[in-house]
Protein backbone atom coordinates (compact mmCIF):
# COMPACT_ATOMS: atom_id res chain seq x y z
CA MET A 1 -26.07 -7.68 37.77
CA VAL A 2 -22.84 -6.24 39.23
CA ARG A 3 -20.80 -8.94 37.51
CA ILE A 4 -22.27 -8.01 34.12
CA ALA A 5 -21.42 -4.35 34.71
CA VAL A 6 -17.82 -5.23 35.62
CA VAL A 7 -17.42 -7.43 32.53
CA LEU A 8 -18.92 -4.73 30.33
CA ALA A 9 -16.63 -2.06 31.82
CA PHE A 10 -13.61 -4.29 31.19
CA ALA A 11 -14.67 -4.94 27.60
CA VAL A 12 -15.08 -1.22 26.94
CA SER A 13 -11.66 -0.45 28.45
CA VAL A 14 -10.02 -3.08 26.25
CA LEU A 15 -11.56 -1.47 23.17
CA ALA A 16 -10.31 2.00 24.14
CA THR A 17 -7.08 1.78 22.15
CA VAL A 18 -5.12 4.98 21.71
CA THR A 19 -4.17 5.73 18.09
CA PRO A 20 -1.47 8.23 17.11
CA ASN A 21 -2.79 11.63 16.06
CA ASN A 22 -2.08 12.14 12.32
CA ALA A 23 -1.61 15.90 12.84
CA GLY A 24 1.86 15.13 14.18
CA ALA A 25 2.95 12.96 11.25
CA LYS A 26 5.80 15.33 10.34
CA ASN A 27 7.47 14.62 13.71
CA VAL A 28 7.44 10.81 13.47
CA GLY A 29 11.02 9.58 13.34
CA SER A 30 12.55 13.04 13.73
CA GLY A 31 14.38 12.13 16.92
CA ASP A 32 14.40 15.78 18.02
CA ALA A 33 11.77 15.64 20.80
CA ALA A 34 9.37 17.73 18.70
CA GLN A 35 6.38 15.36 18.90
CA PHE A 36 3.43 16.30 21.10
CA ILE A 37 1.56 13.95 23.43
CA THR A 38 -0.80 11.73 21.36
CA GLY A 39 1.40 12.07 18.26
CA GLY A 40 3.05 9.05 16.67
CA CYS A 41 6.62 8.01 17.47
CA VAL A 42 9.17 5.33 16.71
CA ASN A 43 11.08 5.76 20.00
CA ASN A 44 11.38 8.03 23.04
CA ALA A 45 13.62 10.52 21.17
CA ASP A 46 10.66 11.64 19.03
CA CYS A 47 8.58 12.78 22.00
CA SER A 48 8.75 16.07 23.90
CA SER A 49 7.70 13.99 26.91
CA ALA A 50 10.57 11.51 26.28
CA CYS A 51 7.96 8.72 26.42
CA CYS A 52 7.01 6.68 23.37
CA ALA A 53 4.49 4.04 24.46
CA ASN A 54 3.29 1.01 22.51
CA ASN A 55 -0.45 1.48 22.09
CA GLY A 56 -0.94 -2.27 22.56
CA GLN A 57 -1.24 -2.86 18.83
CA GLY A 58 2.35 -2.17 17.79
CA ALA A 59 2.10 1.57 17.16
CA GLY A 60 4.04 4.17 19.13
CA VAL A 61 2.25 7.13 20.66
CA CYS A 62 3.89 9.91 22.66
CA SER A 63 2.51 9.91 26.16
CA ALA A 64 2.95 11.55 29.50
CA GLU A 65 4.79 9.11 31.73
CA ALA A 66 1.89 9.19 34.20
CA ALA A 67 -0.49 8.03 31.42
CA ALA A 68 1.85 5.55 29.71
CA LEU A 69 -0.04 2.53 31.05
CA GLN A 70 -3.58 3.81 30.42
CA ASN A 71 -6.02 2.79 27.69
CA GLY A 72 -4.05 -0.26 26.60
CA LYS A 73 -0.68 1.49 26.35
CA GLU A 74 2.28 -0.61 27.48
CA GLY A 75 4.56 2.01 29.03
CA CYS A 76 7.42 4.23 27.89
CA GLY A 77 10.40 2.90 25.98
CA PHE A 78 8.70 1.57 22.85
CA VAL A 79 11.09 1.08 19.93
CA ASP A 80 9.23 0.44 16.69
CA PRO A 81 10.64 -2.69 15.00
CA ASN A 82 9.13 -1.41 11.73
CA ALA A 83 10.44 2.16 12.08
CA ALA A 84 11.29 2.57 8.38
CA GLN A 85 7.74 1.60 7.37
CA THR A 86 6.21 3.79 10.07
CA ILE A 87 8.29 6.79 8.99
CA ALA A 88 7.42 6.20 5.32
CA ALA A 89 3.71 6.06 6.19
CA ALA A 90 4.05 9.27 8.22
CA LYS A 91 5.76 11.02 5.28
CA ALA A 92 2.91 9.89 3.02
CA GLN A 93 0.44 11.31 5.54
CA VAL A 94 2.30 14.64 5.53
CA ALA A 95 2.16 14.74 1.72
CA LYS A 96 -1.56 14.00 1.84
CA GLN A 97 -2.18 16.69 4.46
CA GLY A 98 0.03 19.24 2.76
CA PHE A 99 1.73 20.31 6.01
């Protein structure tokens, strides 16, 4: 019974992927440290925390350094290899939101 609970807890933690908060789309790719924690980023320069973490699925999310390895994140220092596409998608999100 304990083994099943441990396996289930692991499975749930693997599914708990952090996704960038769309409310911060205007700050993605700005490079001016304006992005808040949980907002999207293409590198550390976007984040007020100076920590852009890969969410484990190839997307950058600003994170506190202390939380950069939680919920599937892979630590600070993420540099998005598809930055141009990510920035274009963020600009489209801003246009959709109207802010």
